């Protein structure tokens, strides 16, 4: 196992996010659907909510306005956007990075 990989975070991926124009309706749906999996609301922002057990792993949010996305978002052949990032746990432990 690489030294860059940490066992501190049990997640395979950082997170998945979906967009919706009906955030409140989606939150009611995912509150119910994700509860049996042990997921709960971890974070909330205006127009966005994150679910997870310990970490925010599944986001529901208002979609962007269609403007170009910054570097980590790309679109697959079907037009779905996804985000590719790397979370450096050593860097996250540095003061001011948490």
C-alpha atoms as a PDB file:
ATOM      1  CA  UNK A   1       0.000   0.000   0.000  1.00  0.00           C
ATOM      2  CA  UNK A   2       1.269   3.443  -0.895  1.00  0.00           C
ATOM      3  CA  UNK A   3       2.204   5.862   1.876  1.00  0.00           C
ATOM      4  CA  UNK A   4      -0.096   8.415   0.211  1.00  0.00           C
ATOM      5  CA  UNK A   5      -3.157   6.267   0.966  1.00  0.00           C
ATOM      6  CA  UNK A   6      -4.589   6.644   4.443  1.00  0.00           C
ATOM      7  CA  UNK A   7      -6.669   4.110   6.348  1.00  0.00           C
ATOM      8  CA  UNK A   8      -8.143   6.964   8.425  1.00  0.00           C
ATOM      9  CA  UNK A   9     -10.946   7.507   5.907  1.00  0.00           C
ATOM     10  CA  UNK A  10     -13.013   4.366   5.189  1.00  0.00           C
ATOM     11  CA  UNK A  11     -14.446   5.792   1.950  1.00  0.00           C
ATOM     12  CA  UNK A  12     -13.442   4.501  -1.458  1.00  0.00           C
ATOM     13  CA  UNK A  13     -14.149   7.876  -3.058  1.00  0.00           C
ATOM     14  CA  UNK A  14     -14.274  11.422  -1.769  1.00  0.00           C
ATOM     15  CA  UNK A  15     -17.898  12.068  -2.737  1.00  0.00           C
ATOM     16  CA  UNK A  16     -20.612  11.892  -5.357  1.00  0.00           C
ATOM     17  CA  UNK A  17     -22.838  14.843  -6.124  1.00  0.00           C
ATOM     18  CA  UNK A  18     -26.063  15.219  -8.039  1.00  0.00           C
ATOM     19  CA  UNK A  19     -27.818  18.361  -9.153  1.00  0.00           C
ATOM     20  CA  UNK A  20     -31.477  19.186  -8.755  1.00  0.00           C
ATOM     21  CA  UNK A  21     -33.664  22.236  -9.125  1.00  0.00           C
ATOM     22  CA  UNK A  22     -35.872  20.896  -6.298  1.00  0.00           C
ATOM     23  CA  UNK A  23     -33.389  20.678  -3.420  1.00  0.00           C
ATOM     24  CA  UNK A  24     -36.016  20.524  -0.658  1.00  0.00           C
ATOM     25  CA  UNK A  25     -37.880  17.675  -2.386  1.00  0.00           C
ATOM     26  CA  UNK A  26     -34.619  15.823  -3.022  1.00  0.00           C
ATOM     27  CA  UNK A  27     -33.559  16.248   0.617  1.00  0.00           C
ATOM     28  CA  UNK A  28     -36.837  14.720   1.831  1.00  0.00           C
ATOM     29  CA  UNK A  29     -36.314  11.792  -0.554  1.00  0.00           C
ATOM     30  CA  UNK A  30     -32.660  11.178   0.359  1.00  0.00           C
ATOM     31  CA  UNK A  31     -33.313  11.624   4.096  1.00  0.00           C
ATOM     32  CA  UNK A  32     -35.576   8.575   3.818  1.00  0.00           C
ATOM     33  CA  UNK A  33     -33.638   6.545   1.250  1.00  0.00           C
ATOM     34  CA  UNK A  34     -30.184   6.911   2.797  1.00  0.00           C
ATOM     35  CA  UNK A  35     -31.231   6.418   6.436  1.00  0.00           C
ATOM     36  CA  UNK A  36     -31.322   2.573   6.226  1.00  0.00           C
ATOM     37  CA  UNK A  37     -27.704   2.721   4.985  1.00  0.00           C
ATOM     38  CA  UNK A  38     -26.691   4.619   8.109  1.00  0.00           C
ATOM     39  CA  UNK A  39     -26.244   7.900   6.256  1.00  0.00           C
ATOM     40  CA  UNK A  40     -27.434  11.200   7.674  1.00  0.00           C
ATOM     41  CA  UNK A  41     -27.062  14.872   6.863  1.00  0.00           C
ATOM     42  CA  UNK A  42     -23.450  15.802   7.605  1.00  0.00           C
ATOM     43  CA  UNK A  43     -23.270  19.331   6.160  1.00  0.00           C
ATOM     44  CA  UNK A  44     -25.719  21.884   4.804  1.00  0.00           C
ATOM     45  CA  UNK A  45     -25.124  25.012   2.750  1.00  0.00           C
ATOM     46  CA  UNK A  46     -27.523  27.252   0.897  1.00  0.00           C
ATOM     47  CA  UNK A  47     -28.872  25.045  -1.886  1.00  0.00           C
ATOM     48  CA  UNK A  48     -26.764  22.013  -0.950  1.00  0.00           C
ATOM     49  CA  UNK A  49     -26.721  19.173   1.563  1.00  0.00           C
ATOM     50  CA  UNK A  50     -24.162  16.417   2.142  1.00  0.00           C
ATOM     51  CA  UNK A  51     -24.946  12.950   3.457  1.00  0.00           C
ATOM     52  CA  UNK A  52     -22.657  10.336   4.951  1.00  0.00           C
ATOM     53  CA  UNK A  53     -21.917   8.223   7.997  1.00  0.00           C
ATOM     54  CA  UNK A  54     -18.830  10.116   9.137  1.00  0.00           C
ATOM     55  CA  UNK A  55     -17.713  12.136   6.123  1.00  0.00           C
ATOM     56  CA  UNK A  56     -19.755  14.033   3.517  1.00  0.00           C
ATOM     57  CA  UNK A  57     -19.874  11.458   0.711  1.00  0.00           C
ATOM     58  CA  UNK A  58     -23.106  12.161  -1.175  1.00  0.00           C
ATOM     59  CA  UNK A  59     -24.098  15.727  -2.100  1.00  0.00           C
ATOM     60  CA  UNK A  60     -27.426  17.005  -3.406  1.00  0.00           C
ATOM     61  CA  UNK A  61     -27.287  20.568  -4.700  1.00  0.00           C
ATOM     62  CA  UNK A  62     -28.599  23.091  -7.153  1.00  0.00           C
ATOM     63  CA  UNK A  63     -26.759  22.647 -10.444  1.00  0.00           C
ATOM     64  CA  UNK A  64     -24.360  25.222 -11.767  1.00  0.00           C
ATOM     65  CA  UNK A  65     -25.639  27.667 -14.354  1.00  0.00           C
ATOM     66  CA  UNK A  66     -23.908  25.936 -17.240  1.00  0.00           C
ATOM     67  CA  UNK A  67     -20.856  28.194 -17.193  1.00  0.00           C
ATOM     68  CA  UNK A  68     -17.433  26.554 -17.645  1.00  0.00           C
ATOM     69  CA  UNK A  69     -16.463  24.565 -14.542  1.00  0.00           C
ATOM     70  CA  UNK A  70     -13.148  24.944 -12.807  1.00  0.00           C
ATOM     71  CA  UNK A  71     -10.408  22.366 -13.376  1.00  0.00           C
ATOM     72  CA  UNK A  72     -11.656  19.320 -11.506  1.00  0.00           C
ATOM     73  CA  UNK A  73     -15.040  18.957 -13.242  1.00  0.00           C
ATOM     74  CA  UNK A  74     -15.266  17.076 -16.525  1.00  0.00           C
ATOM     75  CA  UNK A  75     -18.185  15.666 -18.496  1.00  0.00           C
ATOM     76  CA  UNK A  76     -18.582  12.071 -19.611  1.00  0.00           C
ATOM     77  CA  UNK A  77     -19.882  11.177 -23.116  1.00  0.00           C
ATOM     78  CA  UNK A  78     -23.492  11.389 -21.851  1.00  0.00           C
ATOM     79  CA  UNK A  79     -22.992  14.901 -20.503  1.00  0.00           C
ATOM     80  CA  UNK A  80     -22.819  13.947 -16.819  1.00  0.00           C
ATOM     81  CA  UNK A  81     -20.265  15.968 -14.924  1.00  0.00           C
ATOM     82  CA  UNK A  82     -17.937  14.398 -12.427  1.00  0.00           C
ATOM     83  CA  UNK A  83     -15.232  15.709 -10.194  1.00  0.00           C
ATOM     84  CA  UNK A  84     -11.780  14.242  -9.774  1.00  0.00           C
ATOM     85  CA  UNK A  85      -9.800  15.364  -6.747  1.00  0.00           C
ATOM     86  CA  UNK A  86      -7.105  14.062  -4.461  1.00  0.00           C
ATOM     87  CA  UNK A  87      -7.374  14.476  -0.702  1.00  0.00           C
ATOM     88  CA  UNK A  88      -3.945  14.621   0.920  1.00  0.00           C
ATOM     89  CA  UNK A  89      -4.505  13.591   4.555  1.00  0.00           C
ATOM     90  CA  UNK A  90      -1.026  14.776   5.572  1.00  0.00           C
ATOM     91  CA  UNK A  91      -1.772  18.238   4.191  1.00  0.00           C
ATOM     92  CA  UNK A  92      -5.206  18.237   5.844  1.00  0.00           C
ATOM     93  CA  UNK A  93      -3.524  17.762   9.239  1.00  0.00           C
ATOM     94  CA  UNK A  94      -1.457  20.933   8.823  1.00  0.00           C
ATOM     95  CA  UNK A  95      -2.614  23.919  10.895  1.00  0.00           C
ATOM     96  CA  UNK A  96      -5.233  25.980   9.112  1.00  0.00           C
ATOM     97  CA  UNK A  97      -6.124  23.255   6.601  1.00  0.00           C
ATOM     98  CA  UNK A  98      -8.838  21.446   8.574  1.00  0.00           C
END
